Amino acid sequence: MLPNSFSLNKTTEDRLKLLKLRTGVAPNVSARLAFFKSIHSGFKATNWGDYVIDGGLRLDKLTWLGSNQLVIETVLKSYYPRIESVTEMQRVWAMHVEHGSASFHNRYDLGDFVSEILK
């Protein structure tokens, strides 16, 4: 359902890299947390056809999703059953990561980051 390798948009990528500098949490791990935070908040992606993926950090599916791969792809498929294109599904995933990571950008240490995740 998702391509074998993909990336985020530049803004989200920069946000996750800054978070890594502040907390030590790798961008792929914080992307997973951001995705689930977005899903938990009830966010639904719209206009994904216009969403631009322009980040330079291109990782394989296993690195981005880890052992959560099946869960993430199943959640995406159940939330967006009409999407058939892997490119569109990548955009939707990236939109969820962007939405979920927005609450992380003001976190300055690991404890602060963890407390934000647990909200």
Protein backbone atom coordinates (compact mmCIF):
# COMPACT_ATOMS: atom_id res chain seq x y z
CA MET A 1 0.00 0.00 0.00
CA LEU A 2 2.80 2.47 0.82
CA PRO A 3 5.79 2.58 -1.52
CA ASN A 4 8.99 0.75 -0.60
CA SER A 5 10.78 4.05 0.04
CA PHE A 6 9.35 7.50 0.64
CA SER A 7 9.89 10.83 2.36
CA LEU A 8 8.09 13.70 4.07
CA ASN A 9 7.78 17.34 3.16
CA LYS A 10 10.71 19.62 3.99
CA THR A 11 8.99 21.42 6.88
CA THR A 12 8.08 18.20 8.69
CA GLU A 13 11.49 16.71 8.03
CA ASP A 14 13.21 19.78 9.50
CA ARG A 15 10.90 19.67 12.53
CA LEU A 16 11.77 16.01 13.18
CA LYS A 17 15.50 16.63 12.74
CA LEU A 18 15.36 19.51 15.23
CA LEU A 19 13.48 17.27 17.64
CA LYS A 20 16.27 14.70 17.30
CA LEU A 21 18.85 17.33 18.25
CA ARG A 22 16.82 18.31 21.31
CA THR A 23 15.68 14.88 22.52
CA GLY A 24 17.79 12.25 20.78
CA VAL A 25 14.71 10.59 19.27
CA ALA A 26 15.39 9.58 15.66
CA PRO A 27 13.17 11.14 12.95
CA ASN A 28 11.74 7.78 11.89
CA VAL A 29 10.66 7.00 15.47
CA SER A 30 9.19 10.47 16.05
CA ALA A 31 7.38 10.16 12.68
CA ARG A 32 5.66 6.99 13.93
CA LEU A 33 4.66 8.71 17.16
CA ALA A 34 3.43 11.75 15.22
CA PHE A 35 1.35 9.54 12.93
CA PHE A 36 -0.42 7.87 15.85
CA LYS A 37 -0.87 11.20 17.66
CA SER A 38 -2.58 12.54 14.54
CA ILE A 39 -4.84 9.49 14.24
CA HIS A 40 -5.70 9.71 17.94
CA SER A 41 -6.67 13.38 17.54
CA GLY A 42 -9.22 12.47 14.85
CA PHE A 43 -7.45 14.33 12.04
CA LYS A 44 -8.63 13.39 8.53
CA ALA A 45 -6.44 14.34 5.58
CA THR A 46 -8.08 16.23 2.72
CA ASN A 47 -6.77 17.61 -0.55
CA TRP A 48 -3.86 15.19 -0.55
CA GLY A 49 -3.50 15.61 -4.30
CA ASP A 50 -2.11 19.10 -3.68
CA TYR A 51 0.26 18.04 -0.90
CA VAL A 52 3.92 18.38 -1.87
CA ILE A 53 6.51 15.82 -0.76
CA ASP A 54 9.83 17.65 -1.07
CA GLY A 55 11.98 16.37 1.80
CA GLY A 56 15.44 15.00 1.18
CA LEU A 57 15.37 12.25 3.82
CA ARG A 58 14.22 9.25 1.78
CA LEU A 59 14.00 6.07 3.85
CA ASP A 60 12.66 2.61 3.18
CA LYS A 61 9.27 1.53 4.47
CA LEU A 62 10.68 -0.67 7.23
CA THR A 63 12.80 2.19 8.59
CA TRP A 64 9.92 4.68 8.59
CA LEU A 65 7.27 2.33 9.97
CA GLY A 66 9.28 -0.27 11.89
CA SER A 67 7.33 -3.11 13.44
CA ASN A 68 4.21 -0.92 13.16
CA GLN A 69 4.11 -1.32 9.38
CA LEU A 70 1.05 -3.56 9.22
CA VAL A 71 -0.85 -1.50 11.79
CA ILE A 72 -0.09 1.82 10.06
CA GLU A 73 -1.05 0.50 6.63
CA THR A 74 -4.24 -1.07 8.00
CA VAL A 75 -5.24 2.17 9.74
CA LEU A 76 -4.60 4.15 6.55
CA LYS A 77 -6.61 1.68 4.47
CA SER A 78 -9.53 1.76 6.91
CA TYR A 79 -9.51 5.59 7.18
CA TYR A 80 -9.12 6.09 3.42
CA PRO A 81 -10.64 3.03 1.69
CA ARG A 82 -11.01 4.75 -1.68
CA ILE A 83 -7.33 5.54 -2.11
CA GLU A 84 -5.70 3.03 -4.44
CA SER A 85 -2.55 4.91 -5.48
CA VAL A 86 0.62 4.36 -3.43
CA THR A 87 1.59 7.98 -4.12
CA GLU A 88 -1.67 9.27 -2.66
CA MET A 89 -1.32 6.97 0.35
CA GLN A 90 2.21 8.29 0.91
CA ARG A 91 0.86 11.85 0.86
CA VAL A 92 -1.85 10.97 3.38
CA TRP A 93 0.71 9.32 5.67
CA ALA A 94 2.95 12.40 5.37
CA MET A 95 0.02 14.71 6.15
CA HIS A 96 -0.70 12.73 9.31
CA VAL A 97 2.96 12.89 10.35
CA GLU A 98 2.99 16.65 9.72
CA HIS A 99 -0.20 17.14 11.72
CA GLY A 100 0.97 14.99 14.63
CA SER A 101 4.46 16.48 14.73
CA ALA A 102 3.17 20.05 14.93
CA SER A 103 2.73 19.63 18.69
CA PHE A 104 6.34 18.44 19.03
CA HIS A 105 8.15 21.50 17.69
CA ASN A 106 8.27 23.35 21.02
CA ARG A 107 9.66 20.38 22.94
CA TYR A 108 13.16 20.94 24.26
CA ASP A 109 14.03 17.75 26.11
CA LEU A 110 13.04 14.11 26.23
CA GLY A 111 10.82 14.49 29.31
CA ASP A 112 8.90 17.34 27.70
CA PHE A 113 8.54 15.30 24.50
CA VAL A 114 7.23 12.23 26.35
CA SER A 115 4.70 14.31 28.29
CA GLU A 116 3.41 15.73 24.98
CA ILE A 117 3.01 12.24 23.53
CA LEU A 118 1.06 11.06 26.56
CA LYS A 119 -1.47 13.89 26.34
